[in-house]
């Protein structure tokens, strides 16, 4: 029981949630590139490429990002 509770509290699983004009990224490792039309990050040894228009970081924490703008595509590339 304690292990399940610990896994819930210390959640290290990568999650990406797409909303209408936002992307929420949880448990990323590093931001590689941050441009108006392109954001790339590393998560779980994979590169995540987010392409769109007017992309801005609305929230940035140690393990969470909220990206706002017109999202055109999201690609996952093995590193």
N, C-alpha and C. Protein backbone atom coordinates (compact mmCIF):
# COMPACT_ATOMS: atom_id res chain seq x y z
N UNK A 1 0.82 -1.20 0.00
CA UNK A 1 0.00 0.00 0.00
C UNK A 1 0.86 1.26 0.00
N UNK A 2 1.90 1.27 0.82
CA UNK A 2 2.77 2.45 0.87
C UNK A 2 3.48 2.68 -0.46
N UNK A 3 3.84 1.60 -1.15
CA UNK A 3 4.51 1.74 -2.45
C UNK A 3 3.57 2.38 -3.47
N UNK A 4 2.30 1.98 -3.48
CA UNK A 4 1.33 2.57 -4.40
C UNK A 4 1.13 4.05 -4.08
N UNK A 5 1.05 4.37 -2.82
CA UNK A 5 0.89 5.77 -2.41
C UNK A 5 2.12 6.58 -2.79
N UNK A 6 3.29 6.03 -2.59
CA UNK A 6 4.53 6.71 -2.95
C UNK A 6 4.60 6.93 -4.46
N UNK A 7 4.22 5.94 -5.26
CA UNK A 7 4.22 6.08 -6.71
C UNK A 7 3.25 7.17 -7.16
N UNK A 8 2.13 7.29 -6.48
CA UNK A 8 1.15 8.32 -6.80
C UNK A 8 1.69 9.71 -6.46
N UNK A 9 2.28 9.84 -5.30
CA UNK A 9 2.79 11.14 -4.84
C UNK A 9 4.01 11.56 -5.65
N UNK A 10 4.91 10.64 -5.92
CA UNK A 10 6.15 10.93 -6.64
C UNK A 10 5.99 10.43 -8.08
N UNK A 11 5.07 11.00 -8.79
CA UNK A 11 4.77 10.59 -10.15
C UNK A 11 5.85 11.09 -11.10
N UNK A 12 6.53 10.17 -11.77
CA UNK A 12 7.61 10.55 -12.69
C UNK A 12 7.27 10.19 -14.13
N UNK A 13 6.03 9.79 -14.37
CA UNK A 13 5.62 9.39 -15.70
C UNK A 13 5.41 10.62 -16.58
N UNK A 14 5.95 10.58 -17.78
CA UNK A 14 5.79 11.67 -18.74
C UNK A 14 4.35 11.69 -19.23
N UNK A 15 3.77 12.89 -19.26
CA UNK A 15 2.41 13.06 -19.79
C UNK A 15 2.36 14.32 -20.63
N UNK A 16 1.66 14.24 -21.72
CA UNK A 16 1.43 15.39 -22.58
C UNK A 16 -0.07 15.44 -22.84
N UNK A 17 -0.69 16.56 -22.49
CA UNK A 17 -2.13 16.72 -22.67
C UNK A 17 -2.37 17.87 -23.64
N UNK A 18 -3.10 17.58 -24.70
CA UNK A 18 -3.38 18.58 -25.73
C UNK A 18 -4.77 19.14 -25.53
N UNK A 19 -4.85 20.46 -25.43
CA UNK A 19 -6.12 21.17 -25.35
C UNK A 19 -6.30 21.94 -26.65
N UNK A 20 -7.34 22.74 -26.76
CA UNK A 20 -7.62 23.46 -28.01
C UNK A 20 -6.42 24.30 -28.47
N UNK A 21 -5.95 25.19 -27.66
CA UNK A 21 -4.81 26.05 -28.01
C UNK A 21 -3.71 25.99 -26.96
N UNK A 22 -3.58 24.83 -26.29
CA UNK A 22 -2.56 24.68 -25.25
C UNK A 22 -2.07 23.23 -25.22
N UNK A 23 -0.85 23.09 -24.73
CA UNK A 23 -0.27 21.77 -24.47
C UNK A 23 0.30 21.81 -23.07
N UNK A 24 -0.09 20.84 -22.24
CA UNK A 24 0.46 20.71 -20.90
C UNK A 24 1.42 19.53 -20.90
N UNK A 25 2.66 19.77 -20.49
CA UNK A 25 3.70 18.74 -20.48
C UNK A 25 4.12 18.52 -19.03
N UNK A 26 4.06 17.27 -18.58
CA UNK A 26 4.43 16.94 -17.21
C UNK A 26 5.57 15.94 -17.24
N UNK A 27 6.56 16.19 -16.40
CA UNK A 27 7.75 15.35 -16.23
C UNK A 27 8.65 15.34 -17.46
N UNK A 28 8.96 16.52 -17.94
CA UNK A 28 9.96 16.66 -19.00
C UNK A 28 11.33 16.77 -18.35
N UNK A 29 12.39 16.56 -19.14
CA UNK A 29 13.74 16.63 -18.59
C UNK A 29 14.42 17.96 -18.88
N UNK A 30 14.25 18.45 -20.12
CA UNK A 30 15.01 19.62 -20.52
C UNK A 30 14.35 20.30 -21.71
N UNK A 31 14.42 21.63 -21.74
CA UNK A 31 13.99 22.40 -22.91
C UNK A 31 15.21 22.57 -23.81
N UNK A 32 15.07 22.16 -25.07
CA UNK A 32 16.18 22.28 -26.02
C UNK A 32 16.09 23.58 -26.80
N UNK A 33 14.90 23.86 -27.32
CA UNK A 33 14.71 25.03 -28.17
C UNK A 33 13.37 25.66 -27.87
N UNK A 34 13.35 26.99 -27.88
CA UNK A 34 12.13 27.72 -27.60
C UNK A 34 12.02 28.87 -28.59
N UNK A 35 11.20 28.69 -29.59
CA UNK A 35 10.99 29.69 -30.64
C UNK A 35 9.49 29.98 -30.74
N UNK A 36 9.13 31.01 -31.45
CA UNK A 36 7.73 31.38 -31.61
C UNK A 36 6.92 30.30 -32.34
N UNK A 37 7.57 29.57 -33.24
CA UNK A 37 6.87 28.57 -34.05
C UNK A 37 7.33 27.14 -33.77
N UNK A 38 8.21 26.96 -32.79
CA UNK A 38 8.82 25.64 -32.60
C UNK A 38 9.36 25.53 -31.17
N UNK A 39 8.97 24.47 -30.47
CA UNK A 39 9.51 24.19 -29.14
C UNK A 39 9.94 22.73 -29.13
N UNK A 40 11.14 22.45 -28.67
CA UNK A 40 11.58 21.06 -28.53
C UNK A 40 12.05 20.82 -27.10
N UNK A 41 11.67 19.67 -26.58
CA UNK A 41 12.02 19.29 -25.22
C UNK A 41 12.47 17.84 -25.21
N UNK A 42 13.13 17.43 -24.14
CA UNK A 42 13.51 16.05 -23.92
C UNK A 42 12.66 15.50 -22.78
N UNK A 43 12.12 14.29 -22.99
CA UNK A 43 11.35 13.60 -21.96
C UNK A 43 11.49 12.11 -22.19
N UNK A 44 11.83 11.37 -21.15
CA UNK A 44 12.00 9.91 -21.25
C UNK A 44 12.91 9.51 -22.40
N UNK A 45 14.02 10.21 -22.54
CA UNK A 45 15.02 9.93 -23.57
C UNK A 45 14.46 10.05 -24.99
N UNK A 46 13.40 10.81 -25.14
CA UNK A 46 12.82 11.09 -26.45
C UNK A 46 12.75 12.60 -26.64
N UNK A 47 12.86 13.02 -27.89
CA UNK A 47 12.72 14.44 -28.21
C UNK A 47 11.27 14.68 -28.62
N UNK A 48 10.64 15.68 -28.02
CA UNK A 48 9.27 16.07 -28.34
C UNK A 48 9.34 17.38 -29.10
N UNK A 49 8.79 17.41 -30.31
CA UNK A 49 8.80 18.61 -31.15
C UNK A 49 7.37 19.13 -31.24
N UNK A 50 7.18 20.36 -30.79
CA UNK A 50 5.86 21.00 -30.84
C UNK A 50 5.98 22.15 -31.83
N UNK A 51 5.17 22.08 -32.90
CA UNK A 51 5.21 23.10 -33.95
C UNK A 51 3.87 23.82 -33.98
N UNK A 52 3.91 25.13 -34.21
CA UNK A 52 2.69 25.91 -34.27
C UNK A 52 2.99 27.38 -34.52
N UNK A 53 2.04 28.22 -34.16
CA UNK A 53 2.19 29.67 -34.34
C UNK A 53 1.97 30.36 -33.00
N UNK A 54 2.74 31.41 -32.76
CA UNK A 54 2.62 32.22 -31.54
C UNK A 54 2.72 31.38 -30.27
N UNK A 55 3.67 30.47 -30.24
CA UNK A 55 3.85 29.60 -29.07
C UNK A 55 4.55 30.37 -27.95
N UNK A 56 3.97 30.33 -26.76
CA UNK A 56 4.55 30.97 -25.59
C UNK A 56 4.41 30.05 -24.39
N UNK A 57 5.35 30.15 -23.46
CA UNK A 57 5.26 29.40 -22.21
C UNK A 57 4.40 30.20 -21.24
N UNK A 58 3.29 29.62 -20.83
CA UNK A 58 2.41 30.28 -19.86
C UNK A 58 2.76 29.85 -18.44
N UNK A 59 3.33 28.64 -18.32
CA UNK A 59 3.74 28.15 -17.00
C UNK A 59 4.99 27.31 -17.19
N UNK A 60 5.98 27.55 -16.35
CA UNK A 60 7.19 26.74 -16.37
C UNK A 60 7.58 26.42 -14.93
N UNK A 61 7.60 25.14 -14.62
CA UNK A 61 8.00 24.65 -13.30
C UNK A 61 9.12 23.63 -13.50
N UNK A 62 9.64 23.09 -12.42
CA UNK A 62 10.72 22.10 -12.51
C UNK A 62 10.35 20.91 -13.40
N UNK A 63 9.09 20.51 -13.35
CA UNK A 63 8.70 19.31 -14.10
C UNK A 63 7.46 19.51 -14.96
N UNK A 64 7.02 20.76 -15.14
CA UNK A 64 5.78 20.99 -15.88
C UNK A 64 5.87 22.25 -16.74
N UNK A 65 5.32 22.15 -17.95
CA UNK A 65 5.23 23.28 -18.88
C UNK A 65 3.79 23.42 -19.35
N UNK A 66 3.36 24.65 -19.54
CA UNK A 66 2.09 24.92 -20.20
C UNK A 66 2.41 25.82 -21.38
N UNK A 67 2.17 25.32 -22.58
CA UNK A 67 2.50 26.04 -23.81
C UNK A 67 1.19 26.47 -24.45
N UNK A 68 1.11 27.75 -24.79
CA UNK A 68 -0.10 28.28 -25.40
C UNK A 68 0.22 28.77 -26.80
N UNK A 69 -0.73 28.62 -27.71
CA UNK A 69 -0.60 29.07 -29.08
C UNK A 69 -1.35 28.14 -30.00
N UNK A 70 -1.27 28.40 -31.29
CA UNK A 70 -1.91 27.53 -32.29
C UNK A 70 -1.00 26.34 -32.51
N UNK A 71 -1.43 25.17 -32.08
CA UNK A 71 -0.62 23.95 -32.19
C UNK A 71 -0.92 23.29 -33.54
N UNK A 72 0.12 23.15 -34.37
CA UNK A 72 -0.05 22.50 -35.68
C UNK A 72 0.32 21.02 -35.64
N UNK A 73 1.37 20.67 -34.89
CA UNK A 73 1.77 19.27 -34.82
C UNK A 73 2.63 19.01 -33.59
N UNK A 74 2.62 17.75 -33.17
CA UNK A 74 3.47 17.27 -32.09
C UNK A 74 4.11 15.98 -32.58
N UNK A 75 5.43 15.93 -32.52
CA UNK A 75 6.17 14.74 -32.98
C UNK A 75 7.02 14.21 -31.83
N UNK A 76 7.16 12.88 -31.78
CA UNK A 76 8.03 12.24 -30.81
C UNK A 76 9.13 11.53 -31.58
N UNK A 77 10.39 11.84 -31.25
CA UNK A 77 11.54 11.28 -31.95
C UNK A 77 12.41 10.57 -30.92
N UNK A 78 12.76 9.31 -31.18
CA UNK A 78 13.67 8.60 -30.28
C UNK A 78 15.05 9.23 -30.37
N UNK A 79 15.69 9.46 -29.25
CA UNK A 79 17.03 10.05 -29.22
C UNK A 79 18.07 8.99 -29.35
